[in-house]
Amino acid sequence: MSQDNRHELPPPANRRRAFLLPGSLIVLALIAAAFYFQYSSSSDAKSDSKGGKRGRNDDAPAAVAIETAGKADFPVYLNGLGTVTALRTVTVRPRVDGELVRVVFSEGQMVKEGDLLAEIDPRPFQVQLQQAEGQLQRDEALLKNAQIDHDRYLTLLEQDSISAQQTMTQEAQVKQYQGIVEMDKAQVNNAKLQLSYARLTAPISGRIGLRQIDQGNIVKANDTNGLVVITQLQPISVVFTLPEDKVQAVVQRRRSNEPVRVEAYGRAGKTKLADGKLLALDNQIDSTTGTLKLKAQFDNKEGTLFANQFVNIKMHLDTLPGVTVVSSAAIQHDTQGPFVYVVGREKTAQVRRITLGPTEGDKVAVLSNLAAGETVVVDGVDKLHEGSQVDIAQKNGLAVAADPNIQAKPEGKSRKKDKRP
């Protein structure tokens, strides 16, 4: 082979590299194109998930529950914590010594003032009464005899048959016996009083507690425990506290000279126990707690309040006439303040700034910028923004039929038709 032919044909290895290079470039180009399309699809998906592009399902209206704003007279309450306090609590103690021979009350029984509770052996006191009465009869007889002698001496003195000295002496003796008779009468009254103390009666009306001593025991007037404790439950009072910044509102309310209604609820604040009225305000604020003590009185005819019971107090302060009322679930808050989502006829949610009033239970009074009859969203607000389309699933607590113009989301493969016979 000539030198010219050697330059025209490359070596075998060079020819192999020349053949592989275009193929490698093609493969690299295909791989790059695949990565590009995959990245583009991933970016579009992320953009859709972040709101950059809305998919078909994101354009669907959000399912919400709505409520129609009402109009009513809205009560304003002040809430406090209180303790039930009995107006009177009395420990029944014996006033004389002796054996407890009879107990006629039952534990927990309601009694009236003057009802018999127990009886101490009366025989010793009956004997003392008899002795006092006998002594009185004897001294009364002596007094009568002295008076007869005194009358005779006066007659003799008029006849000048006796000295004036004897008459005056007899008059003094009459007065002496009169004094003795008065002392005897006092002894008789004392014996009757001691005999009456043998009967233990209820000093007040109320509920009897647990018996402290049993029948057959010897009781004494200086016993510390006594026989039983009676607590007056009808009426009964409750002492509760309010923050000092609420005191002026209460003072203004009392100036109307109308009774301030107070309600007592159980520990959980759900069960109403009794109705009453405000009785008095304390004269100083507790500097350690910043609260003022108030006292309310309850008839407690049902017997639902007990001394030292813990209760929640709701005091009716005022009533707002004809205000707009909505559920507290409709109220939303942000940095600009409270607002609600109002749903119009086009089923779009609009942000409405409002002014809130007092709250009672799950209801809130709206003082401005919302009228009765307008509908507000109470559930599903996390899916909404200004101008969002909504699908009303519930209205005023009742289910609403689905809108046929709204397309359902496509079901996945897991919802394929069952082919089983």
Protein backbone atom coordinates (compact mmCIF):
# COMPACT_ATOMS: atom_id res chain seq x y z
CA MET A 1 0.00 0.00 0.00
CA SER A 2 1.25 3.42 -0.97
CA GLN A 3 1.81 6.29 1.43
CA ASP A 4 -1.22 8.16 -0.03
CA ASN A 5 -3.58 5.28 0.71
CA ARG A 6 -2.42 5.09 4.31
CA HIS A 7 -3.47 8.71 4.86
CA GLU A 8 -6.93 8.19 3.33
CA LEU A 9 -8.06 5.27 5.58
CA PRO A 10 -7.87 5.77 9.36
CA PRO A 11 -6.79 2.98 11.63
CA PRO A 12 -9.45 0.52 12.84
CA ALA A 13 -9.55 1.96 16.42
CA ASN A 14 -10.12 5.47 15.12
CA ARG A 15 -12.91 4.28 12.89
CA ARG A 16 -14.63 2.61 15.93
CA ARG A 17 -14.43 5.83 17.99
CA ALA A 18 -15.75 7.87 15.08
CA PHE A 19 -18.75 5.54 14.85
CA LEU A 20 -19.59 5.55 18.64
CA LEU A 21 -19.36 9.31 19.20
CA PRO A 22 -22.57 10.35 17.33
CA GLY A 23 -24.55 7.54 19.05
CA SER A 24 -23.40 8.64 22.51
CA LEU A 25 -24.45 12.19 21.80
CA ILE A 26 -27.90 11.02 20.79
CA VAL A 27 -28.31 8.96 23.97
CA LEU A 28 -27.19 11.88 26.14
CA ALA A 29 -29.65 14.14 24.38
CA LEU A 30 -32.50 11.71 25.03
CA ILE A 31 -31.58 11.43 28.71
CA ALA A 32 -31.42 15.20 29.05
CA ALA A 33 -34.82 15.54 27.40
CA ALA A 34 -36.31 12.95 29.77
CA PHE A 35 -34.93 14.80 32.81
CA TYR A 36 -36.28 18.07 31.47
CA PHE A 37 -39.79 16.77 30.98
CA GLN A 38 -39.74 15.04 34.37
CA TYR A 39 -38.57 18.22 36.10
CA SER A 40 -41.16 20.28 34.26
CA SER A 41 -43.95 17.93 35.39
CA SER A 42 -42.70 17.99 38.97
CA SER A 43 -42.52 21.79 38.96
CA ASP A 44 -46.05 22.03 37.61
CA ALA A 45 -47.30 19.70 40.36
CA LYS A 46 -45.57 21.70 43.05
CA SER A 47 -46.89 24.91 41.58
CA ASP A 48 -50.42 23.53 41.66
CA SER A 49 -50.04 22.39 45.27
CA LYS A 50 -48.79 25.84 46.33
CA GLY A 51 -51.51 27.73 44.56
CA GLY A 52 -49.47 28.83 41.58
CA LYS A 53 -51.82 26.93 39.26
CA ARG A 54 -55.22 25.58 40.25
CA GLY A 55 -56.10 22.06 39.28
CA ARG A 56 -59.54 20.88 38.36
CA ASN A 57 -60.42 19.87 41.95
CA ASP A 58 -59.05 23.12 43.49
CA ASP A 59 -61.59 25.10 41.50
CA ALA A 60 -64.46 23.23 43.18
CA PRO A 61 -66.46 25.23 45.81
CA ALA A 62 -65.60 24.56 49.46
CA ALA A 63 -68.21 22.67 51.47
CA VAL A 64 -69.30 24.78 54.45
CA ALA A 65 -72.00 24.99 57.10
CA ILE A 66 -73.84 28.28 57.42
CA GLU A 67 -76.14 29.90 59.95
CA THR A 68 -78.67 32.67 59.69
CA ALA A 69 -77.94 35.56 62.05
CA GLY A 70 -80.81 36.13 64.44
CA LYS A 71 -82.21 39.10 66.31
CA ALA A 72 -83.09 38.92 70.00
CA ASP A 73 -82.91 40.62 73.37
CA PHE A 74 -79.49 39.55 74.62
CA PRO A 75 -78.94 39.21 78.40
CA VAL A 76 -75.68 40.48 79.89
CA TYR A 77 -74.33 38.49 82.83
CA LEU A 78 -71.41 38.85 85.23
CA ASN A 79 -69.89 35.57 86.36
CA GLY A 80 -68.29 34.83 89.71
CA LEU A 81 -67.30 32.03 92.07
CA GLY A 82 -69.05 31.71 95.41
CA THR A 83 -69.59 29.66 98.56
CA VAL A 84 -72.97 28.90 100.08
CA THR A 85 -73.28 30.33 103.59
CA ALA A 86 -76.09 29.54 106.01
CA LEU A 87 -77.83 32.53 107.55
CA ARG A 88 -77.89 30.76 110.94
CA THR A 89 -76.24 27.62 112.30
CA VAL A 90 -77.06 26.53 115.87
CA THR A 91 -75.63 23.73 118.01
CA VAL A 92 -78.37 22.35 120.26
CA ARG A 93 -76.91 21.86 123.77
CA PRO A 94 -78.66 20.76 126.98
CA ARG A 95 -79.20 23.52 129.55
CA VAL A 96 -79.58 21.15 132.50
CA ASP A 97 -77.82 17.97 133.60
CA GLY A 98 -79.51 14.61 133.44
CA GLU A 99 -80.12 11.39 131.55
CA LEU A 100 -81.16 11.63 127.89
CA VAL A 101 -84.28 9.47 127.98
CA ARG A 102 -85.78 10.23 124.54
CA VAL A 103 -84.62 11.34 121.10
CA VAL A 104 -87.45 12.09 118.68
CA PHE A 105 -85.69 13.55 115.61
CA SER A 106 -84.18 11.82 112.58
CA GLU A 107 -80.84 12.77 111.10
CA GLY A 108 -81.27 15.03 108.06
CA GLN A 109 -84.83 15.92 109.02
CA MET A 110 -86.29 19.37 108.36
CA VAL A 111 -87.64 20.90 111.59
CA LYS A 112 -89.47 24.06 112.52
CA GLU A 113 -88.67 26.38 115.37
CA GLY A 114 -90.12 24.96 118.62
CA ASP A 115 -90.29 21.30 117.48
CA LEU A 116 -89.36 18.77 120.17
CA LEU A 117 -85.98 17.15 119.54
CA ALA A 118 -85.16 15.21 122.72
CA GLU A 119 -86.05 14.92 126.40
CA ILE A 120 -83.97 14.72 129.57
CA ASP A 121 -85.31 12.82 132.62
CA PRO A 122 -87.74 15.40 134.13
CA ARG A 123 -88.32 13.77 137.54
CA PRO A 124 -85.59 15.62 139.48
CA PHE A 125 -86.93 18.93 138.24
CA GLN A 126 -90.51 17.97 139.05
CA VAL A 127 -89.45 17.31 142.68
CA GLN A 128 -87.74 20.67 142.90
CA LEU A 129 -90.88 22.33 141.61
CA GLN A 130 -93.00 20.61 144.24
CA GLN A 131 -90.66 21.78 147.00
CA ALA A 132 -90.77 25.36 145.76
CA GLU A 133 -94.56 25.32 145.50
CA GLY A 134 -94.87 23.91 149.06
CA GLN A 135 -92.59 26.57 150.44
CA LEU A 136 -94.67 29.21 148.69
CA GLN A 137 -97.92 27.91 150.13
CA ARG A 138 -96.50 27.94 153.66
CA ASP A 139 -95.18 31.47 153.41
CA GLU A 140 -98.39 32.71 151.82
CA ALA A 141 -100.29 31.35 154.84
CA LEU A 142 -97.92 33.14 157.22
CA LEU A 143 -98.37 36.32 155.23
CA LYS A 144 -102.13 36.02 155.40
CA ASN A 145 -102.03 35.49 159.17
CA ALA A 146 -99.74 38.51 159.58
CA GLN A 147 -102.11 40.64 157.53
CA ILE A 148 -105.06 39.59 159.71
CA ASP A 149 -103.14 40.57 162.84
CA HIS A 150 -102.19 43.87 161.29
CA ASP A 151 -105.83 44.66 160.48
CA ARG A 152 -106.85 43.85 164.07
CA TYR A 153 -104.07 46.06 165.46
CA LEU A 154 -105.30 48.96 163.36
CA THR A 155 -108.79 48.59 164.89
CA LEU A 156 -107.40 48.45 168.38
CA LEU A 157 -105.23 51.48 167.69
CA GLU A 158 -108.31 53.48 166.72
CA GLN A 159 -109.92 52.45 170.04
CA ASP A 160 -106.74 53.46 171.83
CA SER A 161 -106.45 49.90 173.13
CA ILE A 162 -102.98 49.21 171.76
CA SER A 163 -99.81 51.16 171.31
CA ALA A 164 -98.75 52.53 167.93
CA GLN A 165 -95.44 50.68 168.31
CA GLN A 166 -97.13 47.28 168.18
CA THR A 167 -99.07 48.28 165.11
CA MET A 168 -95.92 49.39 163.27
CA THR A 169 -94.10 46.19 164.26
CA GLN A 170 -96.93 44.09 162.85
CA GLU A 171 -96.90 46.15 159.64
CA ALA A 172 -93.17 45.44 159.21
CA GLN A 173 -93.79 41.73 159.71
CA VAL A 174 -96.40 41.77 156.97
CA LYS A 175 -93.92 43.35 154.56
CA GLN A 176 -91.33 40.76 155.56
CA TYR A 177 -93.67 37.91 154.71
CA GLN A 178 -94.56 39.62 151.47
CA GLY A 179 -90.88 39.60 150.52
CA ILE A 180 -90.57 35.92 151.47
CA VAL A 181 -93.59 35.08 149.30
CA GLU A 182 -92.06 36.90 146.32
CA MET A 183 -88.84 34.92 146.76
CA ASP A 184 -90.87 31.70 146.93
CA LYS A 185 -92.64 32.62 143.70
CA ALA A 186 -89.25 33.15 142.06
CA GLN A 187 -88.16 29.73 143.25
CA VAL A 188 -91.29 28.20 141.76
CA ASN A 189 -90.70 29.95 138.43
CA ASN A 190 -87.08 28.80 138.40
CA ALA A 191 -88.14 25.22 139.07
CA LYS A 192 -90.66 25.44 136.21
CA LEU A 193 -87.94 26.85 133.95
CA GLN A 194 -85.54 24.01 134.83
CA LEU A 195 -88.31 21.53 134.14
CA SER A 196 -88.94 23.11 130.72
CA TYR A 197 -85.23 22.75 129.91
CA ALA A 198 -85.69 19.00 130.20
CA ARG A 199 -87.41 19.26 126.80
CA LEU A 200 -84.89 20.16 124.06
CA THR A 201 -86.64 22.03 121.23
CA ALA A 202 -85.42 23.43 117.91
CA PRO A 203 -84.27 27.05 118.38
CA ILE A 204 -84.52 27.74 114.61
CA SER A 205 -86.08 26.19 111.53
CA GLY A 206 -83.70 24.23 109.34
CA ARG A 207 -82.15 20.89 108.55
CA ILE A 208 -80.84 18.66 111.34
CA GLY A 209 -77.35 17.23 111.02
CA LEU A 210 -75.92 14.01 112.42
CA ARG A 211 -76.66 13.10 116.05
CA GLN A 212 -73.72 13.70 118.39
CA ILE A 213 -74.96 11.70 121.40
CA ASP A 214 -77.27 8.72 121.83
CA GLN A 215 -80.21 8.09 124.09
CA GLY A 216 -79.32 6.83 127.59
CA ASN A 217 -76.22 8.99 128.04
CA ILE A 218 -75.85 11.52 130.83
CA VAL A 219 -75.71 14.99 129.36
CA LYS A 220 -74.47 18.17 130.97
CA ALA A 221 -75.04 21.83 130.34
CA ASN A 222 -71.35 22.44 129.58
CA ASP A 223 -71.02 19.71 126.90
CA THR A 224 -69.03 21.16 123.98
CA ASN A 225 -70.33 18.92 121.19
CA GLY A 226 -73.98 19.31 122.05
CA LEU A 227 -76.74 17.07 120.87
CA VAL A 228 -77.06 18.05 117.19
CA VAL A 229 -76.44 20.95 114.78
CA ILE A 230 -79.29 22.70 112.94
CA THR A 231 -78.54 24.73 109.82
CA GLN A 232 -81.01 27.15 108.33
CA LEU A 233 -81.32 26.42 104.61
CA GLN A 234 -84.39 28.46 103.70
CA PRO A 235 -83.47 31.14 102.93
CA ILE A 236 -79.73 30.76 102.40
CA SER A 237 -77.02 33.09 101.15
CA VAL A 238 -74.06 32.85 98.78
CA VAL A 239 -70.90 34.95 99.13
CA PHE A 240 -69.12 35.42 95.79
CA THR A 241 -66.47 37.68 94.28
CA LEU A 242 -66.21 39.91 91.22
CA PRO A 243 -63.16 41.66 89.72
CA GLU A 244 -62.83 45.27 90.81
CA ASP A 245 -63.21 46.54 87.22
CA LYS A 246 -66.77 45.12 87.19
CA VAL A 247 -67.82 46.76 90.46
CA GLN A 248 -68.91 50.09 88.99
CA ALA A 249 -71.30 48.36 86.60
CA VAL A 250 -72.93 46.63 89.58
CA VAL A 251 -73.15 49.91 91.51
CA GLN A 252 -74.84 51.61 88.55
CA ARG A 253 -77.26 48.71 88.24
CA ARG A 254 -78.26 48.88 91.92
CA ARG A 255 -79.08 52.58 91.61
CA SER A 256 -82.15 51.62 89.61
CA ASN A 257 -83.65 50.28 92.89
CA GLU A 258 -84.76 47.14 91.09
CA PRO A 259 -83.78 43.67 92.35
CA VAL A 260 -80.64 42.31 90.68
CA ARG A 261 -81.36 38.72 89.66
CA VAL A 262 -78.71 36.12 90.54
CA GLU A 263 -78.52 32.47 89.43
CA ALA A 264 -76.53 29.71 91.12
CA TYR A 265 -75.04 26.85 89.08
CA GLY A 266 -73.18 23.69 90.03
CA ARG A 267 -69.42 23.21 90.05
CA ALA A 268 -69.34 22.46 86.29
CA GLY A 269 -71.44 25.56 85.56
CA LYS A 270 -74.08 23.62 83.60
CA THR A 271 -76.75 22.62 86.14
CA LYS A 272 -78.88 25.47 87.47
CA LEU A 273 -79.48 25.08 91.20
CA ALA A 274 -81.46 28.10 92.37
CA ASP A 275 -82.64 31.64 91.62
CA GLY A 276 -82.06 34.53 93.99
CA LYS A 277 -81.29 38.22 94.23
CA LEU A 278 -78.33 40.39 95.15
CA LEU A 279 -78.43 41.29 98.85
CA ALA A 280 -75.34 43.38 99.66
CA LEU A 281 -71.84 44.50 98.61
CA ASP A 282 -68.81 44.51 100.86
CA ASN A 283 -67.29 47.85 101.83
CA GLN A 284 -63.71 47.19 100.68
CA ILE A 285 -61.80 45.49 97.87
CA ASP A 286 -59.37 42.72 98.70
CA SER A 287 -55.97 44.13 97.73
CA THR A 288 -54.38 40.68 97.36
CA THR A 289 -56.90 39.41 94.78
CA GLY A 290 -58.33 42.65 93.39
CA THR A 291 -61.87 41.42 93.96
CA LEU A 292 -64.95 42.56 95.87
CA LYS A 293 -67.21 40.29 97.91
CA LEU A 294 -70.94 40.30 97.26
CA LYS A 295 -73.77 38.46 98.98
CA ALA A 296 -76.86 37.03 97.31
CA GLN A 297 -79.87 35.42 98.97
CA PHE A 298 -81.84 32.42 97.71
CA ASP A 299 -85.20 31.03 98.87
CA ASN A 300 -83.81 27.51 98.30
CA LYS A 301 -87.30 25.99 98.40
CA GLU A 302 -86.05 22.92 96.55
CA GLY A 303 -83.22 22.39 99.05
CA THR A 304 -80.55 22.24 96.34
CA LEU A 305 -78.06 24.49 98.16
CA PHE A 306 -76.03 23.32 101.16
CA ALA A 307 -73.81 25.26 103.52
CA ASN A 308 -70.16 25.50 102.35
CA GLN A 309 -71.10 24.31 98.86
CA PHE A 310 -69.04 25.68 95.94
CA VAL A 311 -71.20 27.28 93.21
CA ASN A 312 -70.86 29.35 90.05
CA ILE A 313 -72.79 32.62 90.08
CA LYS A 314 -74.38 34.39 87.10
CA MET A 315 -75.66 37.88 87.91
CA HIS A 316 -78.02 39.46 85.40
CA LEU A 317 -76.66 42.95 84.85
CA ASP A 318 -78.52 44.21 81.79
CA THR A 319 -80.37 43.22 78.60
CA LEU A 320 -79.42 44.49 75.13
CA PRO A 321 -82.67 44.93 73.17
CA GLY A 322 -82.92 43.66 69.59
CA VAL A 323 -79.26 42.93 68.78
CA THR A 324 -77.87 40.62 66.12
CA VAL A 325 -76.92 37.22 67.54
CA VAL A 326 -74.71 34.52 65.96
CA SER A 327 -72.90 31.41 67.15
CA SER A 328 -69.42 31.92 68.51
CA ALA A 329 -68.14 29.39 65.91
CA ALA A 330 -68.73 32.01 63.21
CA ILE A 331 -66.38 34.56 64.81
CA GLN A 332 -62.85 34.66 63.39
CA HIS A 333 -59.92 36.81 64.49
CA ASP A 334 -56.80 38.17 62.84
CA THR A 335 -54.44 41.08 63.41
CA GLN A 336 -57.14 43.56 62.36
CA GLY A 337 -59.74 42.21 64.77
CA PRO A 338 -62.86 40.03 64.62
CA PHE A 339 -64.64 39.18 61.37
CA VAL A 340 -67.08 36.71 59.84
CA TYR A 341 -67.53 35.17 56.41
CA VAL A 342 -70.86 36.29 54.96
CA VAL A 343 -72.36 34.14 52.19
CA GLY A 344 -74.41 36.03 49.57
CA ARG A 345 -76.87 34.86 46.93
CA GLU A 346 -74.05 34.05 44.51
CA LYS A 347 -72.69 31.61 47.10
CA THR A 348 -69.48 33.53 47.54
CA ALA A 349 -67.83 34.17 50.91
CA GLN A 350 -67.11 37.80 51.76
CA VAL A 351 -65.05 38.98 54.75
CA ARG A 352 -67.09 41.25 57.02
CA ARG A 353 -65.46 43.20 59.87
CA ILE A 354 -67.74 43.39 62.92
CA THR A 355 -67.94 44.82 66.44
CA LEU A 356 -68.51 42.22 69.14
CA GLY A 357 -70.70 42.55 72.21
CA PRO A 358 -71.03 40.24 75.24
CA THR A 359 -70.95 36.47 75.00
CA GLU A 360 -73.38 34.08 76.67
CA GLY A 361 -72.85 30.34 76.25
CA ASP A 362 -72.21 29.63 72.55
CA LYS A 363 -73.92 32.83 71.36
CA VAL A 364 -72.33 36.23 70.71
CA ALA A 365 -73.99 39.61 70.32
CA VAL A 366 -72.80 41.55 67.23
CA LEU A 367 -73.16 45.29 67.76
CA SER A 368 -72.44 46.56 64.24
CA ASN A 369 -71.91 45.71 60.55
CA LEU A 370 -74.03 42.54 60.52
CA ALA A 371 -77.80 42.41 60.12
CA ALA A 372 -80.27 39.79 61.20
CA GLY A 373 -81.14 37.43 58.34
CA GLU A 374 -77.67 37.41 56.81
CA THR A 375 -75.92 34.05 56.61
CA VAL A 376 -72.48 33.46 58.06
CA VAL A 377 -70.13 30.48 57.84
CA VAL A 378 -69.83 28.47 61.06
CA ASP A 379 -67.85 25.47 59.78
CA GLY A 380 -65.28 25.12 56.99
CA VAL A 381 -63.77 28.59 57.33
CA ASP A 382 -60.24 27.20 57.07
CA LYS A 383 -60.86 26.64 53.34
CA LEU A 384 -62.10 30.15 52.60
CA HIS A 385 -60.71 33.48 51.53
CA GLU A 386 -62.23 36.66 50.15
CA GLY A 387 -64.50 35.78 47.21
CA SER A 388 -64.36 31.98 47.64
CA GLN A 389 -67.15 29.94 46.06
CA VAL A 390 -68.94 27.77 48.62
CA ASP A 391 -71.09 24.67 48.57
CA ILE A 392 -73.61 24.79 51.41
CA ALA A 393 -73.64 21.40 53.15
CA GLN A 394 -75.58 22.49 56.25
CA LYS A 395 -77.84 25.42 57.05
CA ASN A 396 -78.92 26.18 60.61
CA GLY A 397 -77.91 22.70 61.69
CA LEU A 398 -79.86 20.87 58.96
CA ALA A 399 -78.29 19.03 56.02
CA VAL A 400 -78.70 20.60 52.56
CA ALA A 401 -78.96 18.53 49.36
CA ALA A 402 -75.87 18.58 47.16
CA ASP A 403 -75.82 21.01 44.23
CA PRO A 404 -76.21 18.95 40.98
CA ASN A 405 -74.16 21.51 39.04
CA ILE A 406 -71.06 20.62 41.06
CA GLN A 407 -69.04 17.77 39.57
CA ALA A 408 -67.87 15.09 41.93
CA LYS A 409 -64.18 14.37 42.16
CA PRO A 410 -63.04 11.35 40.10
CA GLU A 411 -62.77 8.18 42.06
CA GLY A 412 -59.53 6.24 42.25
CA LYS A 413 -58.87 2.72 41.06
CA SER A 414 -59.67 1.40 44.50
CA ARG A 415 -63.34 2.25 43.86
CA LYS A 416 -63.67 -0.03 40.82
CA LYS A 417 -66.92 -1.86 40.35
CA ASP A 418 -67.09 -5.10 42.26
CA LYS A 419 -67.05 -7.98 39.81
CA ARG A 420 -68.04 -10.54 42.37
CA PRO A 421 -71.37 -12.26 41.62
